Amino acid sequence: MKSSYIVCAGVALWCAAIVHASAGEAVDASIKLFQFQPKSIEVKAGTMIKWTNGDDIEHSVTAGAPGKESGGFDSGFFVKGGSFEQVFDKPGTYEYFCKRHNSMKGTVVVTE
């Protein structure tokens, strides 16, 4: 009984780490405790994602990887309570990170 509870809890946490959305829907994401939450977001083309900073320090949402910015999007640094919105029109996989905290990374998967 105890082991099934642990497995269910683990599955619930894994599911919470991925968000799925349909085209035209807006998806809210957050930055808390130096992490993008959720780390992986799957959306249909045409979806807007809005990241809101919940930390007491500035963060960015920047396309690419540390040292390899792609130029696709860059929020610049924004403070607690601030937000950044990006519409994803084209299918593909988009990696992003925080320019100030290179260990903060996330992924957006856009489907048709």
C-alpha atoms as a PDB file:
ATOM      1  CA  MET A   1       0.000   0.000   0.000  1.00  0.00           C
ATOM      2  CA  LYS A   2       2.762   2.417   0.968  1.00  0.00           C
ATOM      3  CA  SER A   3       4.726   1.811  -2.245  1.00  0.00           C
ATOM      4  CA  SER A   4       1.672   2.466  -4.433  1.00  0.00           C
ATOM      5  CA  TYR A   5       1.193   5.806  -2.663  1.00  0.00           C
ATOM      6  CA  ILE A   6       4.805   6.735  -3.384  1.00  0.00           C
ATOM      7  CA  VAL A   7       4.428   5.780  -7.070  1.00  0.00           C
ATOM      8  CA  CYS A   8       1.208   7.818  -7.385  1.00  0.00           C
ATOM      9  CA  ALA A   9       2.822  10.818  -5.716  1.00  0.00           C
ATOM     10  CA  GLY A  10       5.800  10.568  -8.080  1.00  0.00           C
ATOM     11  CA  VAL A  11       3.537  10.404 -11.143  1.00  0.00           C
ATOM     12  CA  ALA A  12       1.573  13.419  -9.908  1.00  0.00           C
ATOM     13  CA  LEU A  13       4.771  15.445  -9.507  1.00  0.00           C
ATOM     14  CA  TRP A  14       5.971  14.441 -12.979  1.00  0.00           C
ATOM     15  CA  CYS A  15       2.646  15.434 -14.534  1.00  0.00           C
ATOM     16  CA  ALA A  16       2.751  18.778 -12.758  1.00  0.00           C
ATOM     17  CA  ALA A  17       6.118  19.475 -14.383  1.00  0.00           C
ATOM     18  CA  ILE A  18       4.588  19.417 -17.880  1.00  0.00           C
ATOM     19  CA  VAL A  19       1.770  21.677 -19.080  1.00  0.00           C
ATOM     20  CA  HIS A  20      -0.273  21.020 -22.216  1.00  0.00           C
ATOM     21  CA  ALA A  21      -2.365  23.707 -23.928  1.00  0.00           C
ATOM     22  CA  SER A  22      -4.434  24.091 -27.070  1.00  0.00           C
ATOM     23  CA  ALA A  23      -3.975  26.774 -29.725  1.00  0.00           C
ATOM     24  CA  GLY A  24      -5.254  30.159 -28.669  1.00  0.00           C
ATOM     25  CA  GLU A  25      -5.084  29.361 -24.973  1.00  0.00           C
ATOM     26  CA  ALA A  26      -2.822  31.359 -22.701  1.00  0.00           C
ATOM     27  CA  VAL A  27      -0.488  29.451 -20.416  1.00  0.00           C
ATOM     28  CA  ASP A  28       0.719  30.867 -17.113  1.00  0.00           C
ATOM     29  CA  ALA A  29       4.181  29.857 -15.952  1.00  0.00           C
ATOM     30  CA  SER A  30       6.146  31.101 -12.993  1.00  0.00           C
ATOM     31  CA  ILE A  31       9.624  31.658 -11.696  1.00  0.00           C
ATOM     32  CA  LYS A  32       9.947  30.541  -8.078  1.00  0.00           C
ATOM     33  CA  LEU A  33      12.921  29.513  -5.978  1.00  0.00           C
ATOM     34  CA  PHE A  34      15.270  29.995  -8.946  1.00  0.00           C
ATOM     35  CA  GLN A  35      13.295  27.590 -11.164  1.00  0.00           C
ATOM     36  CA  PHE A  36      11.008  27.890 -14.154  1.00  0.00           C
ATOM     37  CA  GLN A  37       7.739  26.192 -13.251  1.00  0.00           C
ATOM     38  CA  PRO A  38       6.841  24.095 -15.093  1.00  0.00           C
ATOM     39  CA  LYS A  39      10.189  23.266 -16.688  1.00  0.00           C
ATOM     40  CA  SER A  40       8.552  21.810 -19.789  1.00  0.00           C
ATOM     41  CA  ILE A  41       5.524  23.298 -21.523  1.00  0.00           C
ATOM     42  CA  GLU A  42       3.804  21.695 -24.530  1.00  0.00           C
ATOM     43  CA  VAL A  43       1.464  23.931 -26.526  1.00  0.00           C
ATOM     44  CA  LYS A  44      -0.215  24.169 -29.913  1.00  0.00           C
ATOM     45  CA  ALA A  45       1.088  26.775 -32.375  1.00  0.00           C
ATOM     46  CA  GLY A  46      -0.397  30.194 -31.662  1.00  0.00           C
ATOM     47  CA  THR A  47      -0.314  29.870 -27.878  1.00  0.00           C
ATOM     48  CA  MET A  48       0.942  32.652 -25.614  1.00  0.00           C
ATOM     49  CA  ILE A  49       2.985  31.795 -22.535  1.00  0.00           C
ATOM     50  CA  LYS A  50       3.266  34.297 -19.675  1.00  0.00           C
ATOM     51  CA  TRP A  51       6.065  33.897 -17.132  1.00  0.00           C
ATOM     52  CA  THR A  52       5.666  35.769 -13.826  1.00  0.00           C
ATOM     53  CA  ASN A  53       8.618  36.327 -11.500  1.00  0.00           C
ATOM     54  CA  GLY A  54       7.891  35.243  -7.926  1.00  0.00           C
ATOM     55  CA  ASP A  55      11.444  35.645  -6.640  1.00  0.00           C
ATOM     56  CA  ASP A  56      12.932  38.678  -4.900  1.00  0.00           C
ATOM     57  CA  ILE A  57      15.655  38.927  -7.561  1.00  0.00           C
ATOM     58  CA  GLU A  58      15.660  39.773 -11.268  1.00  0.00           C
ATOM     59  CA  HIS A  59      15.426  36.987 -13.825  1.00  0.00           C
ATOM     60  CA  SER A  60      15.182  36.725 -17.601  1.00  0.00           C
ATOM     61  CA  VAL A  61      13.483  34.369 -20.032  1.00  0.00           C
ATOM     62  CA  THR A  62      15.968  34.096 -22.890  1.00  0.00           C
ATOM     63  CA  ALA A  63      15.803  31.776 -25.905  1.00  0.00           C
ATOM     64  CA  GLY A  64      18.680  29.322 -26.309  1.00  0.00           C
ATOM     65  CA  ALA A  65      21.136  27.988 -23.776  1.00  0.00           C
ATOM     66  CA  PRO A  66      23.758  29.653 -21.584  1.00  0.00           C
ATOM     67  CA  GLY A  67      26.463  30.992 -23.881  1.00  0.00           C
ATOM     68  CA  LYS A  68      24.334  30.153 -26.952  1.00  0.00           C
ATOM     69  CA  GLU A  69      21.456  32.621 -27.133  1.00  0.00           C
ATOM     70  CA  SER A  70      19.295  31.914 -30.187  1.00  0.00           C
ATOM     71  CA  GLY A  71      17.880  35.423 -30.542  1.00  0.00           C
ATOM     72  CA  GLY A  72      14.330  34.053 -30.679  1.00  0.00           C
ATOM     73  CA  PHE A  73      13.121  35.990 -27.627  1.00  0.00           C
ATOM     74  CA  ASP A  74      14.555  37.753 -24.593  1.00  0.00           C
ATOM     75  CA  SER A  75      12.577  39.321 -21.776  1.00  0.00           C
ATOM     76  CA  GLY A  76      15.454  41.326 -20.398  1.00  0.00           C
ATOM     77  CA  PHE A  77      15.646  41.288 -16.602  1.00  0.00           C
ATOM     78  CA  PHE A  78      12.377  41.716 -14.728  1.00  0.00           C
ATOM     79  CA  VAL A  79      11.655  41.949 -10.998  1.00  0.00           C
ATOM     80  CA  LYS A  80       9.297  40.219  -8.579  1.00  0.00           C
ATOM     81  CA  GLY A  81       5.711  40.547  -9.772  1.00  0.00           C
ATOM     82  CA  GLY A  82       6.838  41.434 -13.284  1.00  0.00           C
ATOM     83  CA  SER A  83       5.996  39.242 -16.230  1.00  0.00           C
ATOM     84  CA  PHE A  84       7.006  38.426 -19.790  1.00  0.00           C
ATOM     85  CA  GLU A  85       4.743  37.112 -22.560  1.00  0.00           C
ATOM     86  CA  GLN A  86       5.747  35.256 -25.716  1.00  0.00           C
ATOM     87  CA  VAL A  87       3.542  33.826 -28.482  1.00  0.00           C
ATOM     88  CA  PHE A  88       4.822  30.623 -30.079  1.00  0.00           C
ATOM     89  CA  ASP A  89       3.566  30.489 -33.690  1.00  0.00           C
ATOM     90  CA  LYS A  90       5.819  27.847 -35.240  1.00  0.00           C
ATOM     91  CA  PRO A  91       6.096  24.162 -34.295  1.00  0.00           C
ATOM     92  CA  GLY A  92       9.412  23.157 -32.786  1.00  0.00           C
ATOM     93  CA  THR A  93      11.300  22.800 -29.532  1.00  0.00           C
ATOM     94  CA  TYR A  94      12.441  26.011 -27.872  1.00  0.00           C
ATOM     95  CA  GLU A  95      14.965  25.958 -25.048  1.00  0.00           C
ATOM     96  CA  TYR A  96      15.286  28.952 -22.750  1.00  0.00           C
ATOM     97  CA  PHE A  97      17.243  30.015 -19.675  1.00  0.00           C
ATOM     98  CA  CYS A  98      17.882  32.888 -17.275  1.00  0.00           C
ATOM     99  CA  LYS A  99      20.865  35.047 -18.273  1.00  0.00           C
ATOM    100  CA  ARG A 100      21.693  35.790 -14.638  1.00  0.00           C
ATOM    101  CA  HIS A 101      21.275  32.226 -13.339  1.00  0.00           C
ATOM    102  CA  ASN A 102      22.489  29.796 -15.996  1.00  0.00           C
ATOM    103  CA  SER A 103      21.257  26.749 -14.071  1.00  0.00           C
ATOM    104  CA  MET A 104      17.673  27.911 -14.665  1.00  0.00           C
ATOM    105  CA  LYS A 105      16.499  26.222 -17.873  1.00  0.00           C
ATOM    106  CA  GLY A 106      13.208  25.312 -19.483  1.00  0.00           C
ATOM    107  CA  THR A 107      11.698  24.003 -22.694  1.00  0.00           C
ATOM    108  CA  VAL A 108       8.653  24.861 -24.793  1.00  0.00           C
ATOM    109  CA  VAL A 109       7.466  22.239 -27.287  1.00  0.00           C
ATOM    110  CA  VAL A 110       5.141  23.673 -29.927  1.00  0.00           C
ATOM    111  CA  THR A 111       2.976  21.316 -31.989  1.00  0.00           C
ATOM    112  CA  GLU A 112       0.672  22.015 -34.926  1.00  0.00           C
END
